[in-house]
PDB file of N, CA and C in Angstrom:
ATOM      1  N   UNK A   1     245.329 170.303 176.554  1.00  0.00           N
ATOM      2  CA  UNK A   1     246.234 169.095 175.319  1.00  0.00           C
ATOM      3  C   UNK A   1     246.771 168.929 174.934  1.00  0.00           C
ATOM      4  N   UNK A   2     248.317 168.914 175.012  1.00  0.00           N
ATOM      5  CA  UNK A   2     248.901 168.492 174.147  1.00  0.00           C
ATOM      6  C   UNK A   2     249.024 166.804 173.852  1.00  0.00           C
ATOM      7  N   UNK A   3     249.511 166.234 171.885  1.00  0.00           N
ATOM      8  CA  UNK A   3     249.515 165.595 171.464  1.00  0.00           C
ATOM      9  C   UNK A   3     250.286 164.907 170.067  1.00  0.00           C
ATOM     10  N   UNK A   4     250.381 164.574 169.922  1.00  0.00           N
ATOM     11  CA  UNK A   4     251.326 163.842 168.611  1.00  0.00           C
ATOM     12  C   UNK A   4     250.725 164.017 167.515  1.00  0.00           C
ATOM     13  N   UNK A   5     251.166 163.663 167.108  1.00  0.00           N
ATOM     14  CA  UNK A   5     251.364 164.672 165.196  1.00  0.00           C
ATOM     15  C   UNK A   5     252.125 164.095 164.464  1.00  0.00           C
ATOM     16  N   UNK A   6     251.682 163.105 163.610  1.00  0.00           N
ATOM     17  CA  UNK A   6     252.870 162.702 162.869  1.00  0.00           C
ATOM     18  C   UNK A   6     253.007 163.597 161.098  1.00  0.00           C
ATOM     19  N   UNK A   7     254.319 164.011 162.011  1.00  0.00           N
ATOM     20  CA  UNK A   7     254.357 164.933 160.219  1.00  0.00           C
ATOM     21  C   UNK A   7     254.919 163.704 159.137  1.00  0.00           C
ATOM     22  N   UNK A   8     254.427 163.832 158.103  1.00  0.00           N
ATOM     23  CA  UNK A   8     255.182 163.331 156.785  1.00  0.00           C
ATOM     24  C   UNK A   8     256.533 163.117 156.627  1.00  0.00           C
ATOM     25  N   UNK A   9     257.413 164.703 156.934  1.00  0.00           N
ATOM     26  CA  UNK A   9     258.522 164.838 156.506  1.00  0.00           C
ATOM     27  C   UNK A   9     259.625 164.440 158.324  1.00  0.00           C
ATOM     28  N   UNK A  10     258.952 164.927 159.336  1.00  0.00           N
ATOM     29  CA  UNK A  10     259.985 165.310 160.545  1.00  0.00           C
ATOM     30  C   UNK A  10     259.763 163.450 160.819  1.00  0.00           C
ATOM     31  N   UNK A  11     258.284 162.742 161.549  1.00  0.00           N
ATOM     32  CA  UNK A  11     258.187 161.703 162.086  1.00  0.00           C
ATOM     33  C   UNK A  11     257.141 162.475 162.724  1.00  0.00           C
ATOM     34  N   UNK A  12     256.938 161.463 164.573  1.00  0.00           N
ATOM     35  CA  UNK A  12     256.514 162.138 165.189  1.00  0.00           C
ATOM     36  C   UNK A  12     256.298 163.105 166.121  1.00  0.00           C
ATOM     37  N   UNK A  13     255.780 164.098 166.225  1.00  0.00           N
ATOM     38  CA  UNK A  13     256.221 164.685 167.324  1.00  0.00           C
ATOM     39  C   UNK A  13     255.024 166.016 167.862  1.00  0.00           C
ATOM     40  N   UNK A  14     255.936 166.937 168.815  1.00  0.00           N
ATOM     41  CA  UNK A  14     254.423 167.035 169.790  1.00  0.00           C
ATOM     42  C   UNK A  14     253.576 168.444 169.124  1.00  0.00           C
ATOM     43  N   UNK A  15     252.488 167.952 169.405  1.00  0.00           N
ATOM     44  CA  UNK A  15     251.391 169.648 168.766  1.00  0.00           C
ATOM     45  C   UNK A  15     252.225 170.984 169.133  1.00  0.00           C
ATOM     46  N   UNK A  16     252.399 171.188 169.981  1.00  0.00           N
ATOM     47  CA  UNK A  16     252.717 172.967 170.091  1.00  0.00           C
ATOM     48  C   UNK A  16     253.678 173.468 169.497  1.00  0.00           C
ATOM     49  N   UNK A  17     254.664 172.107 168.893  1.00  0.00           N
ATOM     50  CA  UNK A  17     255.335 172.513 166.931  1.00  0.00           C
ATOM     51  C   UNK A  17     254.411 172.434 165.908  1.00  0.00           C
ATOM     52  N   UNK A  18     253.251 172.881 165.767  1.00  0.00           N
ATOM     53  CA  UNK A  18     252.718 172.453 164.789  1.00  0.00           C
ATOM     54  C   UNK A  18     251.818 174.456 165.151  1.00  0.00           C
ATOM     55  N   UNK A  19     251.583 174.797 164.832  1.00  0.00           N
ATOM     56  CA  UNK A  19     250.082 176.156 163.920  1.00  0.00           C
ATOM     57  C   UNK A  19     248.747 175.259 163.718  1.00  0.00           C
ATOM     58  N   UNK A  20     247.799 175.601 163.992  1.00  0.00           N
ATOM     59  CA  UNK A  20     246.411 175.554 164.115  1.00  0.00           C
ATOM     60  C   UNK A  20     246.143 176.014 162.206  1.00  0.00           C
ATOM     61  N   UNK A  21     246.183 175.263 161.223  1.00  0.00           N
ATOM     62  CA  UNK A  21     244.971 176.596 159.547  1.00  0.00           C
ATOM     63  C   UNK A  21     243.492 176.183 159.913  1.00  0.00           C
ATOM     64  N   UNK A  22     243.014 175.660 161.249  1.00  0.00           N
ATOM     65  CA  UNK A  22     241.882 175.527 160.648  1.00  0.00           C
ATOM     66  C   UNK A  22     241.405 173.718 160.442  1.00  0.00           C
ATOM     67  N   UNK A  23     239.565 173.724 160.377  1.00  0.00           N
ATOM     68  CA  UNK A  23     239.564 172.389 159.693  1.00  0.00           C
ATOM     69  C   UNK A  23     239.194 172.618 158.070  1.00  0.00           C
ATOM     70  N   UNK A  24     239.242 171.308 157.621  1.00  0.00           N
ATOM     71  CA  UNK A  24     238.743 171.109 156.124  1.00  0.00           C
ATOM     72  C   UNK A  24     237.847 170.729 156.109  1.00  0.00           C
ATOM     73  N   UNK A  25     236.823 171.073 155.209  1.00  0.00           N
ATOM     74  CA  UNK A  25     235.391 170.508 154.986  1.00  0.00           C
ATOM     75  C   UNK A  25     234.534 171.003 153.988  1.00  0.00           C
ATOM     76  N   UNK A  26     234.876 172.879 154.031  1.00  0.00           N
ATOM     77  CA  UNK A  26     234.106 173.546 153.995  1.00  0.00           C
ATOM     78  C   UNK A  26     234.634 173.905 152.208  1.00  0.00           C
ATOM     79  N   UNK A  27     233.665 174.053 151.764  1.00  0.00           N
ATOM     80  CA  UNK A  27     235.382 175.050 150.834  1.00  0.00           C
ATOM     81  C   UNK A  27     234.526 176.304 150.808  1.00  0.00           C
ATOM     82  N   UNK A  28     236.172 176.979 150.825  1.00  0.00           N
ATOM     83  CA  UNK A  28     235.935 178.780 150.559  1.00  0.00           C
ATOM     84  C   UNK A  28     236.935 179.604 151.149  1.00  0.00           C
ATOM     85  N   UNK A  29     236.793 180.920 150.478  1.00  0.00           N
ATOM     86  CA  UNK A  29     237.510 181.320 149.979  1.00  0.00           C
ATOM     87  C   UNK A  29     238.273 182.109 150.206  1.00  0.00           C
ATOM     88  N   UNK A  30     239.603 182.661 149.427  1.00  0.00           N
ATOM     89  CA  UNK A  30     240.594 183.302 150.892  1.00  0.00           C
ATOM     90  C   UNK A  30     240.303 184.239 151.930  1.00  0.00           C
ATOM     91  N   UNK A  31     240.540 184.116 153.181  1.00  0.00           N
ATOM     92  CA  UNK A  31     240.086 184.900 154.028  1.00  0.00           C
ATOM     93  C   UNK A  31     240.405 185.917 154.200  1.00  0.00           C
ATOM     94  N   UNK A  32     240.660 187.724 154.082  1.00  0.00           N
ATOM     95  CA  UNK A  32     240.812 188.604 155.189  1.00  0.00           C
ATOM     96  C   UNK A  32     240.958 188.528 156.513  1.00  0.00           C
ATOM     97  N   UNK A  33     241.827 189.244 157.649  1.00  0.00           N
ATOM     98  CA  UNK A  33     242.386 188.175 158.006  1.00  0.00           C
ATOM     99  C   UNK A  33     241.953 188.996 160.047  1.00  0.00           C
ATOM    100  N   UNK A  34     240.226 189.438 159.787  1.00  0.00           N
ATOM    101  CA  UNK A  34     238.742 189.045 160.770  1.00  0.00           C
ATOM    102  C   UNK A  34     238.111 188.396 160.124  1.00  0.00           C
ATOM    103  N   UNK A  35     238.018 187.830 159.173  1.00  0.00           N
ATOM    104  CA  UNK A  35     236.865 185.896 158.444  1.00  0.00           C
ATOM    105  C   UNK A  35     238.115 185.118 159.081  1.00  0.00           C
ATOM    106  N   UNK A  36     238.675 185.026 158.872  1.00  0.00           N
ATOM    107  CA  UNK A  36     240.540 184.100 159.805  1.00  0.00           C
ATOM    108  C   UNK A  36     239.797 183.619 160.727  1.00  0.00           C
ATOM    109  N   UNK A  37     240.577 184.963 161.596  1.00  0.00           N
ATOM    110  CA  UNK A  37     240.036 185.181 163.046  1.00  0.00           C
ATOM    111  C   UNK A  37     238.696 184.852 163.440  1.00  0.00           C
ATOM    112  N   UNK A  38     238.178 184.773 162.942  1.00  0.00           N
ATOM    113  CA  UNK A  38     236.662 184.036 163.038  1.00  0.00           C
ATOM    114  C   UNK A  38     236.738 182.817 163.093  1.00  0.00           C
ATOM    115  N   UNK A  39     237.578 182.646 161.905  1.00  0.00           N
ATOM    116  CA  UNK A  39     237.043 180.612 161.482  1.00  0.00           C
ATOM    117  C   UNK A  39     237.940 179.736 162.608  1.00  0.00           C
ATOM    118  N   UNK A  40     238.919 180.309 162.783  1.00  0.00           N
ATOM    119  CA  UNK A  40     239.644 180.071 163.723  1.00  0.00           C
ATOM    120  C   UNK A  40     240.092 180.406 164.830  1.00  0.00           C
ATOM    121  N   UNK A  41     239.062 181.040 165.653  1.00  0.00           N
ATOM    122  CA  UNK A  41     238.544 181.446 166.794  1.00  0.00           C
ATOM    123  C   UNK A  41     237.074 180.726 167.151  1.00  0.00           C
ATOM    124  N   UNK A  42     236.539 180.829 166.894  1.00  0.00           N
ATOM    125  CA  UNK A  42     235.088 181.340 166.713  1.00  0.00           C
ATOM    126  C   UNK A  42     234.464 179.870 165.939  1.00  0.00           C
ATOM    127  N   UNK A  43     235.174 178.908 165.737  1.00  0.00           N
ATOM    128  CA  UNK A  43     234.455 177.197 165.143  1.00  0.00           C
ATOM    129  C   UNK A  43     233.336 176.521 165.508  1.00  0.00           C
ATOM    130  N   UNK A  44     232.856 175.770 164.569  1.00  0.00           N
ATOM    131  CA  UNK A  44     232.129 174.873 165.526  1.00  0.00           C
ATOM    132  C   UNK A  44     232.111 174.065 166.406  1.00  0.00           C
ATOM    133  N   UNK A  45     233.958 173.505 166.541  1.00  0.00           N
ATOM    134  CA  UNK A  45     234.197 173.287 167.737  1.00  0.00           C
ATOM    135  C   UNK A  45     233.245 171.786 168.029  1.00  0.00           C
ATOM    136  N   UNK A  46     233.053 170.584 167.212  1.00  0.00           N
ATOM    137  CA  UNK A  46     232.173 169.043 166.814  1.00  0.00           C
ATOM    138  C   UNK A  46     232.198 168.056 167.410  1.00  0.00           C
ATOM    139  N   UNK A  47     232.361 167.709 168.013  1.00  0.00           N
ATOM    140  CA  UNK A  47     232.902 166.230 168.474  1.00  0.00           C
ATOM    141  C   UNK A  47     233.319 164.897 167.719  1.00  0.00           C
ATOM    142  N   UNK A  48     234.803 164.396 167.471  1.00  0.00           N
ATOM    143  CA  UNK A  48     234.545 163.520 166.357  1.00  0.00           C
ATOM    144  C   UNK A  48     235.598 163.647 165.704  1.00  0.00           C
ATOM    145  N   UNK A  49     235.797 163.030 164.166  1.00  0.00           N
ATOM    146  CA  UNK A  49     236.700 163.251 163.901  1.00  0.00           C
ATOM    147  C   UNK A  49     236.595 163.983 162.685  1.00  0.00           C
ATOM    148  N   UNK A  50     237.787 164.828 162.057  1.00  0.00           N
ATOM    149  CA  UNK A  50     237.472 165.362 161.894  1.00  0.00           C
ATOM    150  C   UNK A  50     238.863 166.088 161.215  1.00  0.00           C
ATOM    151  N   UNK A  51     238.760 166.328 159.594  1.00  0.00           N
ATOM    152  CA  UNK A  51     239.800 167.142 158.996  1.00  0.00           C
ATOM    153  C   UNK A  51     240.646 168.417 158.751  1.00  0.00           C
ATOM    154  N   UNK A  52     241.875 168.163 159.289  1.00  0.00           N
ATOM    155  CA  UNK A  52     242.173 169.770 159.465  1.00  0.00           C
ATOM    156  C   UNK A  52     243.319 170.335 159.706  1.00  0.00           C
ATOM    157  N   UNK A  53     244.000 171.674 158.733  1.00  0.00           N
ATOM    158  CA  UNK A  53     245.077 171.409 158.557  1.00  0.00           C
ATOM    159  C   UNK A  53     245.529 172.637 159.740  1.00  0.00           C
ATOM    160  N   UNK A  54     247.040 171.800 159.148  1.00  0.00           N
ATOM    161  CA  UNK A  54     248.889 172.599 160.568  1.00  0.00           C
ATOM    162  C   UNK A  54     249.995 172.615 159.575  1.00  0.00           C
ATOM    163  N   UNK A  55     250.529 173.894 160.167  1.00  0.00           N
ATOM    164  CA  UNK A  55     251.940 174.536 159.666  1.00  0.00           C
ATOM    165  C   UNK A  55     252.860 173.853 160.803  1.00  0.00           C
ATOM    166  N   UNK A  56     253.443 173.134 160.564  1.00  0.00           N
ATOM    167  CA  UNK A  56     254.707 173.272 160.921  1.00  0.00           C
ATOM    168  C   UNK A  56     255.780 173.392 161.611  1.00  0.00           C
ATOM    169  N   UNK A  57     255.791 174.266 162.171  1.00  0.00           N
ATOM    170  CA  UNK A  57     256.489 175.968 162.343  1.00  0.00           C
ATOM    171  C   UNK A  57     257.953 175.894 162.655  1.00  0.00           C
ATOM    172  N   UNK A  58     258.021 174.567 164.044  1.00  0.00           N
ATOM    173  CA  UNK A  58     259.364 174.288 164.547  1.00  0.00           C
ATOM    174  C   UNK A  58     260.345 172.926 163.486  1.00  0.00           C
ATOM    175  N   UNK A  59     259.295 172.423 162.101  1.00  0.00           N
ATOM    176  CA  UNK A  59     260.231 171.070 161.783  1.00  0.00           C
ATOM    177  C   UNK A  59     260.234 171.885 160.369  1.00  0.00           C
ATOM    178  N   UNK A  60     259.452 171.079 159.738  1.00  0.00           N
ATOM    179  CA  UNK A  60     259.916 171.416 158.006  1.00  0.00           C
ATOM    180  C   UNK A  60     259.195 172.781 157.371  1.00  0.00           C
ATOM    181  N   UNK A  61     258.560 173.192 158.453  1.00  0.00           N
ATOM    182  CA  UNK A  61     257.852 174.480 157.720  1.00  0.00           C
ATOM    183  C   UNK A  61     256.776 173.755 156.505  1.00  0.00           C
ATOM    184  N   UNK A  62     256.480 172.666 156.597  1.00  0.00           N
ATOM    185  CA  UNK A  62     254.616 172.618 155.311  1.00  0.00           C
ATOM    186  C   UNK A  62     254.023 172.144 155.905  1.00  0.00           C
ATOM    187  N   UNK A  63     252.771 172.472 155.352  1.00  0.00           N
ATOM    188  CA  UNK A  63     251.609 172.461 156.206  1.00  0.00           C
ATOM    189  C   UNK A  63     251.111 170.915 155.401  1.00  0.00           C
ATOM    190  N   UNK A  64     250.728 170.684 156.487  1.00  0.00           N
ATOM    191  CA  UNK A  64     249.923 169.320 156.334  1.00  0.00           C
ATOM    192  C   UNK A  64     248.440 169.251 156.636  1.00  0.00           C
ATOM    193  N   UNK A  65     248.071 167.839 156.611  1.00  0.00           N
ATOM    194  CA  UNK A  65     246.300 167.430 156.671  1.00  0.00           C
ATOM    195  C   UNK A  65     246.650 166.668 157.274  1.00  0.00           C
ATOM    196  N   UNK A  66     245.349 166.126 158.966  1.00  0.00           N
ATOM    197  CA  UNK A  66     245.332 165.085 159.683  1.00  0.00           C
ATOM    198  C   UNK A  66     244.496 165.304 159.707  1.00  0.00           C
ATOM    199  N   UNK A  67     244.066 164.072 160.626  1.00  0.00           N
ATOM    200  CA  UNK A  67     242.443 163.037 161.052  1.00  0.00           C
ATOM    201  C   UNK A  67     242.887 163.164 162.080  1.00  0.00           C
ATOM    202  N   UNK A  68     242.129 163.998 163.281  1.00  0.00           N
ATOM    203  CA  UNK A  68     241.686 164.009 164.489  1.00  0.00           C
ATOM    204  C   UNK A  68     240.308 164.212 165.455  1.00  0.00           C
ATOM    205  N   UNK A  69     240.466 163.081 166.074  1.00  0.00           N
ATOM    206  CA  UNK A  69     239.085 163.032 167.289  1.00  0.00           C
ATOM    207  C   UNK A  69     238.685 164.166 167.557  1.00  0.00           C
ATOM    208  N   UNK A  70     238.669 164.925 167.686  1.00  0.00           N
ATOM    209  CA  UNK A  70     237.853 166.291 168.266  1.00  0.00           C
ATOM    210  C   UNK A  70     238.017 166.297 170.285  1.00  0.00           C
ATOM    211  N   UNK A  71     237.350 164.978 170.087  1.00  0.00           N
ATOM    212  CA  UNK A  71     237.162 164.570 171.503  1.00  0.00           C
ATOM    213  C   UNK A  71     238.291 163.704 172.551  1.00  0.00           C
ATOM    214  N   UNK A  72     238.958 162.754 171.920  1.00  0.00           N
ATOM    215  CA  UNK A  72     239.634 161.693 172.372  1.00  0.00           C
ATOM    216  C   UNK A  72     241.856 162.943 172.021  1.00  0.00           C
ATOM    217  N   UNK A  73     241.632 163.802 170.593  1.00  0.00           N
ATOM    218  CA  UNK A  73     242.781 163.875 170.066  1.00  0.00           C
ATOM    219  C   UNK A  73     244.259 163.368 169.329  1.00  0.00           C
ATOM    220  N   UNK A  74     243.051 162.066 169.380  1.00  0.00           N
ATOM    221  CA  UNK A  74     244.292 160.354 168.606  1.00  0.00           C
ATOM    222  C   UNK A  74     243.792 160.983 167.036  1.00  0.00           C
ATOM    223  N   UNK A  75     245.197 160.944 166.907  1.00  0.00           N
ATOM    224  CA  UNK A  75     245.400 161.249 164.917  1.00  0.00           C
ATOM    225  C   UNK A  75     245.670 159.866 164.628  1.00  0.00           C
ATOM    226  N   UNK A  76     244.602 160.204 163.475  1.00  0.00           N
ATOM    227  CA  UNK A  76     244.622 158.748 163.202  1.00  0.00           C
ATOM    228  C   UNK A  76     245.395 159.179 161.288  1.00  0.00           C
ATOM    229  N   UNK A  77     245.744 159.775 160.491  1.00  0.00           N
ATOM    230  CA  UNK A  77     246.035 159.882 159.234  1.00  0.00           C
ATOM    231  C   UNK A  77     246.512 161.079 159.413  1.00  0.00           C
ATOM    232  N   UNK A  78     247.371 161.467 158.361  1.00  0.00           N
ATOM    233  CA  UNK A  78     248.095 163.004 158.584  1.00  0.00           C
ATOM    234  C   UNK A  78     248.907 162.481 156.579  1.00  0.00           C
ATOM    235  N   UNK A  79     248.522 163.724 155.760  1.00  0.00           N
ATOM    236  CA  UNK A  79     249.053 163.926 154.999  1.00  0.00           C
ATOM    237  C   UNK A  79     249.591 165.452 154.679  1.00  0.00           C
ATOM    238  N   UNK A  80     249.986 165.515 153.557  1.00  0.00           N
ATOM    239  CA  UNK A  80     251.779 166.931 153.482  1.00  0.00           C
ATOM    240  C   UNK A  80     251.048 167.664 152.063  1.00  0.00           C
ATOM    241  N   UNK A  81     251.027 168.588 152.498  1.00  0.00           N
ATOM    242  CA  UNK A  81     249.592 169.829 151.648  1.00  0.00           C
ATOM    243  C   UNK A  81     248.988 169.986 152.925  1.00  0.00           C
ATOM    244  N   UNK A  82     247.738 171.055 152.064  1.00  0.00           N
ATOM    245  CA  UNK A  82     246.624 171.447 152.038  1.00  0.00           C
ATOM    246  C   UNK A  82     245.223 171.202 152.312  1.00  0.00           C
ATOM    247  N   UNK A  83     245.701 169.859 151.078  1.00  0.00           N
ATOM    248  CA  UNK A  83     244.069 169.425 151.283  1.00  0.00           C
ATOM    249  C   UNK A  83     244.461 167.350 151.389  1.00  0.00           C
ATOM    250  N   UNK A  84     242.947 166.842 152.365  1.00  0.00           N
ATOM    251  CA  UNK A  84     243.259 165.736 151.909  1.00  0.00           C
ATOM    252  C   UNK A  84     243.447 164.732 150.959  1.00  0.00           C
ATOM    253  N   UNK A  85     244.573 163.775 150.965  1.00  0.00           N
ATOM    254  CA  UNK A  85     244.477 162.563 149.244  1.00  0.00           C
ATOM    255  C   UNK A  85     243.114 161.901 149.015  1.00  0.00           C
TER     256      UNK A  85
END
């Protein structure tokens, strides 16, 4: 299911323009490829709001953080950078 993300640099854009970079919340050490793959594809997938990293690959090519409700895909905030304000 596609949804819209408010990029702080490019404005509201469709989700397929972005690459998912994982959820925020836990302090992590830099991951090797296998550990990163496990984190991205086998995460807990909890229902509710969470902070997530997204890379705007077909736009400004910058990392942003969004607050997204995983039940509805509603995005309630976005920030530039890899950490939430």
